[in-house]
Amino acid sequence: MHTVEVERSAVTVPEPLAGLLSRVESEIEKLAKTTPLAALRAARRLEVIAVQTAYWPALDIISSDATGEQTTTALGLNEDATQDLLARFGRLGRYR
């Protein structure tokens, strides 16, 4: 029940992007069954893309007027996970 509530209150990823991410996930899982190294390389590429594309949004969120509670709710994470995510993507130390 709690997971459903968290999912309902989290910000929605637009369908075209959500569908694309779902397909990428599925393709990497299929690839992992036959070529684990290629699957790992693909997952690593996703990790690099995430770090590159999330830098400015993370900084925007950090400098916004949104409360910590609003941000954690929108991301569907707990407070520690939200702070870790923003620090990692914003390339900041965990404790400032």
N, C-alpha and C. Protein backbone atom coordinates (compact mmCIF):
# COMPACT_ATOMS: atom_id res chain seq x y z
N MET A 1 0.82 -1.19 0.00
CA MET A 1 0.00 0.00 0.00
C MET A 1 0.86 1.25 0.00
N HIS A 2 1.90 1.31 0.83
CA HIS A 2 2.78 2.47 0.92
C HIS A 2 3.45 2.75 -0.43
N THR A 3 3.90 1.70 -1.10
CA THR A 3 4.56 1.85 -2.40
C THR A 3 3.62 2.48 -3.41
N VAL A 4 2.37 2.10 -3.41
CA VAL A 4 1.38 2.67 -4.32
C VAL A 4 1.19 4.15 -4.04
N GLU A 5 1.12 4.53 -2.76
CA GLU A 5 0.97 5.93 -2.38
C GLU A 5 2.18 6.74 -2.82
N VAL A 6 3.37 6.21 -2.62
CA VAL A 6 4.59 6.90 -3.03
C VAL A 6 4.59 7.10 -4.53
N GLU A 7 4.25 6.08 -5.27
CA GLU A 7 4.22 6.17 -6.74
C GLU A 7 3.21 7.19 -7.21
N ARG A 8 2.06 7.26 -6.56
CA ARG A 8 1.02 8.22 -6.94
C ARG A 8 1.47 9.66 -6.72
N SER A 9 2.24 9.90 -5.67
CA SER A 9 2.63 11.27 -5.34
C SER A 9 3.92 11.70 -6.03
N ALA A 10 4.66 10.77 -6.61
CA ALA A 10 5.90 11.12 -7.31
C ALA A 10 5.59 11.81 -8.63
N VAL A 11 6.51 12.67 -9.03
CA VAL A 11 6.35 13.38 -10.30
C VAL A 11 6.30 12.35 -11.44
N THR A 12 5.48 12.59 -12.43
CA THR A 12 5.31 11.66 -13.53
C THR A 12 6.35 11.90 -14.62
N VAL A 13 6.96 10.83 -15.08
CA VAL A 13 7.87 10.91 -16.22
C VAL A 13 6.98 10.85 -17.47
N PRO A 14 7.15 11.79 -18.41
CA PRO A 14 6.30 11.78 -19.61
C PRO A 14 6.35 10.43 -20.32
N GLU A 15 5.20 10.00 -20.83
CA GLU A 15 5.06 8.67 -21.42
C GLU A 15 6.09 8.35 -22.50
N PRO A 16 6.38 9.25 -23.43
CA PRO A 16 7.38 8.87 -24.44
C PRO A 16 8.72 8.47 -23.81
N LEU A 17 9.15 9.21 -22.79
CA LEU A 17 10.41 8.89 -22.13
C LEU A 17 10.28 7.64 -21.27
N ALA A 18 9.17 7.52 -20.54
CA ALA A 18 8.95 6.33 -19.71
C ALA A 18 8.94 5.07 -20.55
N GLY A 19 8.28 5.13 -21.71
CA GLY A 19 8.24 3.98 -22.61
C GLY A 19 9.61 3.63 -23.14
N LEU A 20 10.37 4.65 -23.51
CA LEU A 20 11.73 4.43 -24.01
C LEU A 20 12.61 3.79 -22.94
N LEU A 21 12.53 4.30 -21.73
CA LEU A 21 13.33 3.74 -20.64
C LEU A 21 12.95 2.29 -20.36
N SER A 22 11.67 2.00 -20.42
CA SER A 22 11.20 0.63 -20.22
C SER A 22 11.74 -0.30 -21.30
N ARG A 23 11.74 0.16 -22.53
CA ARG A 23 12.28 -0.65 -23.63
C ARG A 23 13.78 -0.86 -23.48
N VAL A 24 14.51 0.19 -23.07
CA VAL A 24 15.95 0.06 -22.86
C VAL A 24 16.23 -0.95 -21.75
N GLU A 25 15.47 -0.86 -20.67
CA GLU A 25 15.62 -1.82 -19.57
C GLU A 25 15.41 -3.25 -20.06
N SER A 26 14.36 -3.45 -20.82
CA SER A 26 14.04 -4.78 -21.34
C SER A 26 15.15 -5.30 -22.26
N GLU A 27 15.66 -4.43 -23.11
CA GLU A 27 16.72 -4.84 -24.03
C GLU A 27 18.00 -5.20 -23.29
N ILE A 28 18.34 -4.45 -22.25
CA ILE A 28 19.54 -4.76 -21.48
C ILE A 28 19.36 -6.09 -20.74
N GLU A 29 18.16 -6.33 -20.20
CA GLU A 29 17.90 -7.60 -19.54
C GLU A 29 18.03 -8.77 -20.51
N LYS A 30 17.52 -8.61 -21.73
CA LYS A 30 17.66 -9.68 -22.74
C LYS A 30 19.12 -9.88 -23.10
N LEU A 31 19.84 -8.79 -23.28
CA LEU A 31 21.26 -8.86 -23.64
C LEU A 31 22.06 -9.55 -22.54
N ALA A 32 21.69 -9.32 -21.29
CA ALA A 32 22.40 -9.91 -20.16
C ALA A 32 22.37 -11.43 -20.18
N LYS A 33 21.31 -11.99 -20.76
CA LYS A 33 21.19 -13.45 -20.81
C LYS A 33 22.19 -14.08 -21.77
N THR A 34 22.59 -13.33 -22.79
CA THR A 34 23.49 -13.90 -23.80
C THR A 34 24.87 -13.27 -23.79
N THR A 35 24.95 -11.99 -23.45
CA THR A 35 26.22 -11.27 -23.49
C THR A 35 26.32 -10.33 -22.29
N PRO A 36 26.65 -10.87 -21.13
CA PRO A 36 26.67 -10.06 -19.91
C PRO A 36 27.60 -8.84 -20.01
N LEU A 37 28.74 -8.99 -20.65
CA LEU A 37 29.65 -7.85 -20.74
C LEU A 37 29.04 -6.71 -21.56
N ALA A 38 28.37 -7.03 -22.64
CA ALA A 38 27.71 -5.99 -23.44
C ALA A 38 26.58 -5.34 -22.64
N ALA A 39 25.86 -6.14 -21.85
CA ALA A 39 24.79 -5.60 -21.02
C ALA A 39 25.38 -4.65 -19.97
N LEU A 40 26.48 -5.03 -19.38
CA LEU A 40 27.13 -4.18 -18.39
C LEU A 40 27.63 -2.88 -19.03
N ARG A 41 28.17 -3.00 -20.22
CA ARG A 41 28.63 -1.80 -20.93
C ARG A 41 27.45 -0.88 -21.24
N ALA A 42 26.34 -1.43 -21.64
CA ALA A 42 25.14 -0.63 -21.92
C ALA A 42 24.64 0.05 -20.64
N ALA A 43 24.64 -0.69 -19.54
CA ALA A 43 24.21 -0.12 -18.27
C ALA A 43 25.15 1.00 -17.83
N ARG A 44 26.42 0.80 -18.06
CA ARG A 44 27.40 1.85 -17.74
C ARG A 44 27.13 3.10 -18.58
N ARG A 45 26.78 2.90 -19.84
CA ARG A 45 26.47 4.04 -20.71
C ARG A 45 25.26 4.80 -20.17
N LEU A 46 24.26 4.09 -19.67
CA LEU A 46 23.10 4.74 -19.06
C LEU A 46 23.51 5.54 -17.83
N GLU A 47 24.41 4.99 -17.06
CA GLU A 47 24.90 5.68 -15.88
C GLU A 47 25.58 7.00 -16.26
N VAL A 48 26.39 6.97 -17.30
CA VAL A 48 27.07 8.18 -17.78
C VAL A 48 26.06 9.20 -18.27
N ILE A 49 25.08 8.74 -19.03
CA ILE A 49 24.03 9.64 -19.53
C ILE A 49 23.29 10.28 -18.36
N ALA A 50 22.97 9.50 -17.34
CA ALA A 50 22.26 10.03 -16.18
C ALA A 50 23.07 11.14 -15.51
N VAL A 51 24.34 10.91 -15.30
CA VAL A 51 25.19 11.91 -14.65
C VAL A 51 25.29 13.17 -15.52
N GLN A 52 25.44 12.99 -16.82
CA GLN A 52 25.57 14.14 -17.72
C GLN A 52 24.28 14.96 -17.81
N THR A 53 23.15 14.29 -17.87
CA THR A 53 21.89 15.01 -18.10
C THR A 53 21.23 15.50 -16.82
N ALA A 54 21.61 14.99 -15.67
CA ALA A 54 20.95 15.37 -14.43
C ALA A 54 21.66 16.48 -13.67
N TYR A 55 22.82 16.90 -14.15
CA TYR A 55 23.59 17.93 -13.43
C TYR A 55 22.79 19.22 -13.22
N TRP A 56 22.34 19.83 -14.30
CA TRP A 56 21.62 21.10 -14.17
C TRP A 56 20.27 20.95 -13.47
N PRO A 57 19.49 19.92 -13.78
CA PRO A 57 18.24 19.76 -13.01
C PRO A 57 18.49 19.60 -11.51
N ALA A 58 19.53 18.87 -11.14
CA ALA A 58 19.84 18.71 -9.72
C ALA A 58 20.18 20.05 -9.08
N LEU A 59 21.01 20.84 -9.75
CA LEU A 59 21.35 22.15 -9.21
C LEU A 59 20.13 23.06 -9.14
N ASP A 60 19.26 22.98 -10.14
CA ASP A 60 18.03 23.77 -10.11
C ASP A 60 17.17 23.40 -8.91
N ILE A 61 17.07 22.11 -8.63
CA ILE A 61 16.26 21.65 -7.49
C ILE A 61 16.90 22.11 -6.18
N ILE A 62 18.21 21.98 -6.09
CA ILE A 62 18.92 22.37 -4.87
C ILE A 62 18.72 23.86 -4.58
N SER A 63 18.74 24.68 -5.63
CA SER A 63 18.62 26.13 -5.42
C SER A 63 17.17 26.62 -5.46
N SER A 64 16.21 25.72 -5.64
CA SER A 64 14.80 26.12 -5.70
C SER A 64 14.25 26.37 -4.30
N ASP A 65 13.05 26.87 -4.27
CA ASP A 65 12.36 27.12 -3.00
C ASP A 65 11.62 25.88 -2.49
N ALA A 66 11.72 24.78 -3.21
CA ALA A 66 11.02 23.56 -2.79
C ALA A 66 11.58 23.07 -1.45
N THR A 67 10.70 22.61 -0.60
CA THR A 67 11.14 22.06 0.68
C THR A 67 11.71 20.66 0.45
N GLY A 68 12.45 20.18 1.42
CA GLY A 68 12.96 18.83 1.35
C GLY A 68 11.84 17.81 1.23
N GLU A 69 10.75 18.06 1.95
CA GLU A 69 9.60 17.14 1.90
C GLU A 69 8.97 17.13 0.51
N GLN A 70 8.84 18.30 -0.10
CA GLN A 70 8.27 18.37 -1.46
C GLN A 70 9.16 17.61 -2.44
N THR A 71 10.46 17.78 -2.30
CA THR A 71 11.40 17.12 -3.21
C THR A 71 11.38 15.61 -3.03
N THR A 72 11.41 15.15 -1.78
CA THR A 72 11.39 13.70 -1.55
C THR A 72 10.10 13.08 -2.06
N THR A 73 8.99 13.78 -1.86
CA THR A 73 7.70 13.28 -2.35
C THR A 73 7.70 13.20 -3.87
N ALA A 74 8.16 14.27 -4.51
CA ALA A 74 8.17 14.31 -5.98
C ALA A 74 9.06 13.23 -6.57
N LEU A 75 10.17 12.92 -5.90
CA LEU A 75 11.10 11.90 -6.41
C LEU A 75 10.72 10.49 -5.97
N GLY A 76 9.84 10.38 -4.99
CA GLY A 76 9.44 9.06 -4.51
C GLY A 76 10.53 8.37 -3.71
N LEU A 77 11.34 9.19 -3.01
CA LEU A 77 12.45 8.66 -2.23
C LEU A 77 12.33 9.12 -0.79
N ASN A 78 13.15 8.53 0.09
CA ASN A 78 13.21 9.05 1.45
C ASN A 78 14.22 10.21 1.48
N GLU A 79 14.31 10.88 2.61
CA GLU A 79 15.15 12.07 2.70
C GLU A 79 16.63 11.78 2.41
N ASP A 80 17.17 10.71 3.00
CA ASP A 80 18.58 10.39 2.76
C ASP A 80 18.85 10.06 1.30
N ALA A 81 17.97 9.27 0.69
CA ALA A 81 18.16 8.90 -0.72
C ALA A 81 18.06 10.14 -1.62
N THR A 82 17.16 11.07 -1.28
CA THR A 82 17.02 12.30 -2.05
C THR A 82 18.29 13.13 -1.94
N GLN A 83 18.82 13.29 -0.74
CA GLN A 83 20.05 14.07 -0.56
C GLN A 83 21.22 13.42 -1.29
N ASP A 84 21.30 12.10 -1.23
CA ASP A 84 22.37 11.39 -1.94
C ASP A 84 22.26 11.59 -3.45
N LEU A 85 21.03 11.49 -3.97
CA LEU A 85 20.81 11.66 -5.40
C LEU A 85 21.18 13.07 -5.86
N LEU A 86 20.72 14.07 -5.14
CA LEU A 86 21.03 15.45 -5.51
C LEU A 86 22.52 15.74 -5.40
N ALA A 87 23.16 15.21 -4.38
CA ALA A 87 24.61 15.41 -4.23
C ALA A 87 25.38 14.73 -5.35
N ARG A 88 24.97 13.51 -5.69
CA ARG A 88 25.66 12.77 -6.76
C ARG A 88 25.46 13.43 -8.11
N PHE A 89 24.23 13.73 -8.46
CA PHE A 89 23.97 14.33 -9.76
C PHE A 89 24.40 15.79 -9.83
N GLY A 90 24.35 16.50 -8.70
CA GLY A 90 24.80 17.89 -8.67
C GLY A 90 26.29 18.01 -8.44
N ARG A 91 26.95 16.85 -8.29
CA ARG A 91 28.40 16.78 -8.09
C ARG A 91 28.84 17.61 -6.89
N LEU A 92 28.09 17.45 -5.81
CA LEU A 92 28.35 18.17 -4.58
C LEU A 92 28.68 17.18 -3.48
N GLY A 93 29.35 17.67 -2.44
CA GLY A 93 29.58 16.84 -1.27
C GLY A 93 28.24 16.57 -0.59
N ARG A 94 28.11 15.46 0.05
CA ARG A 94 26.85 15.08 0.72
C ARG A 94 26.48 16.09 1.79
N TYR A 95 27.48 16.58 2.51
CA TYR A 95 27.22 17.53 3.59
C TYR A 95 27.89 18.85 3.24
N ARG A 96 27.06 19.87 3.08
CA ARG A 96 27.61 21.18 2.71
C ARG A 96 27.49 22.13 3.86
